[in-house]
């Protein structure tokens, strides 16, 4: 059971588990907010991409 407890602790702030953890009393909204406030801002590490369709490839489904 120790491994399961460790695995669940590692998932405490996992975005897929937050609602479940709050609903089941394993995480409070205050704990979540404290955790989110502690994360560093990594927005400078992003790359912008353009998702507009290129007319040269608009009829190409990637099969050519």
N, C-alpha and C. Protein backbone atom coordinates (compact mmCIF):
# COMPACT_ATOMS: atom_id res chain seq x y z
N UNK A 1 0.82 -1.19 0.00
CA UNK A 1 0.00 0.00 0.00
C UNK A 1 0.86 1.25 0.00
N UNK A 2 2.10 1.11 0.44
CA UNK A 2 3.00 2.26 0.51
C UNK A 2 3.26 2.85 -0.88
N UNK A 3 3.40 1.98 -1.87
CA UNK A 3 3.66 2.45 -3.23
C UNK A 3 2.45 3.20 -3.79
N UNK A 4 1.26 2.72 -3.48
CA UNK A 4 0.04 3.38 -3.93
C UNK A 4 -0.07 4.76 -3.29
N UNK A 5 0.22 4.85 -2.00
CA UNK A 5 0.18 6.14 -1.31
C UNK A 5 1.16 7.12 -1.92
N UNK A 6 2.35 6.65 -2.25
CA UNK A 6 3.36 7.50 -2.88
C UNK A 6 2.90 7.95 -4.26
N UNK A 7 2.34 7.03 -5.02
CA UNK A 7 1.85 7.36 -6.37
C UNK A 7 0.74 8.40 -6.29
N UNK A 8 -0.19 8.23 -5.37
CA UNK A 8 -1.28 9.19 -5.22
C UNK A 8 -0.77 10.55 -4.75
N UNK A 9 0.22 10.56 -3.88
CA UNK A 9 0.81 11.82 -3.42
C UNK A 9 1.46 12.55 -4.59
N UNK A 10 2.09 11.81 -5.48
CA UNK A 10 2.72 12.43 -6.65
C UNK A 10 1.69 13.00 -7.61
N UNK A 11 0.46 12.50 -7.55
CA UNK A 11 -0.61 12.97 -8.44
C UNK A 11 -1.51 14.02 -7.79
N UNK A 12 -1.17 14.45 -6.59
CA UNK A 12 -2.03 15.37 -5.85
C UNK A 12 -2.35 16.62 -6.64
N UNK A 13 -1.37 17.17 -7.36
CA UNK A 13 -1.59 18.40 -8.11
C UNK A 13 -1.65 18.15 -9.62
N UNK A 14 -1.77 16.89 -10.02
CA UNK A 14 -1.90 16.56 -11.43
C UNK A 14 -3.22 17.15 -11.94
N UNK A 15 -3.17 17.86 -13.06
CA UNK A 15 -4.36 18.55 -13.56
C UNK A 15 -5.52 17.59 -13.82
N UNK A 16 -5.23 16.34 -14.11
CA UNK A 16 -6.29 15.36 -14.35
C UNK A 16 -6.94 14.89 -13.06
N UNK A 17 -6.29 15.13 -11.92
CA UNK A 17 -6.76 14.61 -10.63
C UNK A 17 -7.28 15.69 -9.68
N UNK A 18 -7.08 16.96 -10.01
CA UNK A 18 -7.40 18.05 -9.09
C UNK A 18 -8.86 18.00 -8.63
N UNK A 19 -9.80 17.93 -9.57
CA UNK A 19 -11.21 17.91 -9.19
C UNK A 19 -11.53 16.72 -8.28
N UNK A 20 -11.02 15.56 -8.64
CA UNK A 20 -11.26 14.35 -7.85
C UNK A 20 -10.67 14.49 -6.45
N UNK A 21 -9.44 15.02 -6.38
CA UNK A 21 -8.79 15.19 -5.08
C UNK A 21 -9.53 16.18 -4.19
N UNK A 22 -10.04 17.26 -4.77
CA UNK A 22 -10.82 18.23 -3.99
C UNK A 22 -12.13 17.59 -3.54
N UNK A 23 -12.81 16.90 -4.46
CA UNK A 23 -14.09 16.26 -4.14
C UNK A 23 -13.95 15.23 -3.02
N UNK A 24 -12.83 14.54 -2.97
CA UNK A 24 -12.62 13.48 -1.98
C UNK A 24 -11.82 13.94 -0.77
N UNK A 25 -11.61 15.25 -0.63
CA UNK A 25 -10.98 15.79 0.56
C UNK A 25 -9.48 15.59 0.66
N UNK A 26 -8.84 15.22 -0.45
CA UNK A 26 -7.39 15.03 -0.42
C UNK A 26 -6.64 16.33 -0.71
N UNK A 27 -7.37 17.33 -1.19
CA UNK A 27 -6.77 18.61 -1.56
C UNK A 27 -7.80 19.70 -1.30
N UNK A 28 -7.35 20.81 -0.73
CA UNK A 28 -8.25 21.94 -0.54
C UNK A 28 -7.99 22.97 -1.64
N UNK A 29 -8.96 23.82 -1.86
CA UNK A 29 -8.78 24.88 -2.86
C UNK A 29 -7.65 25.82 -2.45
N UNK A 30 -7.49 26.00 -1.15
CA UNK A 30 -6.41 26.85 -0.65
C UNK A 30 -5.04 26.23 -0.94
N UNK A 31 -4.93 24.91 -0.74
CA UNK A 31 -3.68 24.21 -1.06
C UNK A 31 -3.36 24.33 -2.54
N UNK A 32 -4.40 24.17 -3.36
CA UNK A 32 -4.21 24.27 -4.81
C UNK A 32 -3.74 25.67 -5.18
N UNK A 33 -4.36 26.70 -4.62
CA UNK A 33 -3.97 28.07 -4.94
C UNK A 33 -2.54 28.36 -4.50
N UNK A 34 -2.16 27.87 -3.33
CA UNK A 34 -0.78 28.04 -2.85
C UNK A 34 0.20 27.37 -3.80
N UNK A 35 -0.14 26.17 -4.24
CA UNK A 35 0.71 25.45 -5.18
C UNK A 35 0.83 26.21 -6.50
N UNK A 36 -0.29 26.68 -7.04
CA UNK A 36 -0.26 27.40 -8.31
C UNK A 36 0.54 28.69 -8.20
N UNK A 37 0.43 29.37 -7.07
CA UNK A 37 1.19 30.61 -6.86
C UNK A 37 2.69 30.34 -6.73
N UNK A 38 3.06 29.11 -6.35
CA UNK A 38 4.48 28.79 -6.17
C UNK A 38 5.18 28.42 -7.48
N UNK A 39 4.41 28.18 -8.53
CA UNK A 39 5.01 27.79 -9.81
C UNK A 39 5.69 28.99 -10.45
N UNK A 40 6.86 28.76 -11.03
CA UNK A 40 7.56 29.86 -11.68
C UNK A 40 6.95 30.11 -13.06
N UNK A 41 7.10 31.33 -13.52
CA UNK A 41 6.57 31.74 -14.82
C UNK A 41 7.52 31.27 -15.92
N UNK A 42 7.07 30.36 -16.74
CA UNK A 42 7.89 29.83 -17.84
C UNK A 42 7.39 30.31 -19.20
N UNK A 43 6.58 31.36 -19.20
CA UNK A 43 6.00 31.83 -20.46
C UNK A 43 7.06 32.30 -21.44
N UNK A 44 8.25 32.65 -20.97
CA UNK A 44 9.32 33.07 -21.86
C UNK A 44 9.94 31.91 -22.62
N UNK A 45 9.59 30.69 -22.26
CA UNK A 45 10.14 29.51 -22.93
C UNK A 45 9.24 28.99 -24.04
N UNK A 46 8.27 29.78 -24.45
CA UNK A 46 7.31 29.32 -25.45
C UNK A 46 7.73 29.73 -26.85
N UNK A 47 7.16 29.06 -27.83
CA UNK A 47 7.37 29.39 -29.23
C UNK A 47 5.99 29.57 -29.85
N UNK A 48 5.79 30.69 -30.52
CA UNK A 48 4.52 30.93 -31.19
C UNK A 48 4.50 30.22 -32.53
N UNK A 49 3.37 29.58 -32.84
CA UNK A 49 3.21 28.93 -34.13
C UNK A 49 1.94 29.45 -34.78
N UNK A 50 1.94 29.49 -36.10
CA UNK A 50 0.80 29.96 -36.86
C UNK A 50 0.02 28.74 -37.34
N UNK A 51 -1.25 28.65 -36.97
CA UNK A 51 -2.06 27.50 -37.34
C UNK A 51 -2.96 27.77 -38.54
N UNK A 52 -2.78 28.90 -39.20
CA UNK A 52 -3.59 29.18 -40.38
C UNK A 52 -3.20 28.24 -41.50
N UNK A 53 -4.19 27.88 -42.32
CA UNK A 53 -3.95 26.96 -43.43
C UNK A 53 -3.11 27.64 -44.49
N UNK A 54 -2.13 26.92 -44.98
CA UNK A 54 -1.31 27.39 -46.09
C UNK A 54 -2.00 26.93 -47.37
N UNK A 55 -2.29 27.86 -48.29
CA UNK A 55 -3.05 27.51 -49.49
C UNK A 55 -2.34 26.48 -50.35
N UNK A 56 -1.01 26.39 -50.29
CA UNK A 56 -0.27 25.40 -51.07
C UNK A 56 -0.58 23.98 -50.61
N UNK A 57 -1.01 23.83 -49.39
CA UNK A 57 -1.24 22.50 -48.82
C UNK A 57 -2.70 22.26 -48.45
N UNK A 58 -3.58 23.17 -48.83
CA UNK A 58 -4.97 23.06 -48.38
C UNK A 58 -5.67 21.81 -48.90
N UNK A 59 -5.28 21.30 -50.07
CA UNK A 59 -5.90 20.09 -50.61
C UNK A 59 -5.05 18.86 -50.39
N UNK A 60 -3.93 19.02 -49.74
CA UNK A 60 -3.02 17.91 -49.49
C UNK A 60 -3.34 17.30 -48.13
N UNK A 61 -3.67 16.03 -48.11
CA UNK A 61 -4.00 15.38 -46.84
C UNK A 61 -2.80 14.69 -46.23
N UNK A 62 -1.60 15.01 -46.73
CA UNK A 62 -0.39 14.42 -46.20
C UNK A 62 -0.03 13.09 -46.83
N UNK A 63 -0.80 12.68 -47.83
CA UNK A 63 -0.57 11.39 -48.46
C UNK A 63 0.38 11.48 -49.66
N UNK A 64 0.76 12.69 -50.08
CA UNK A 64 1.65 12.85 -51.25
C UNK A 64 3.08 12.96 -50.84
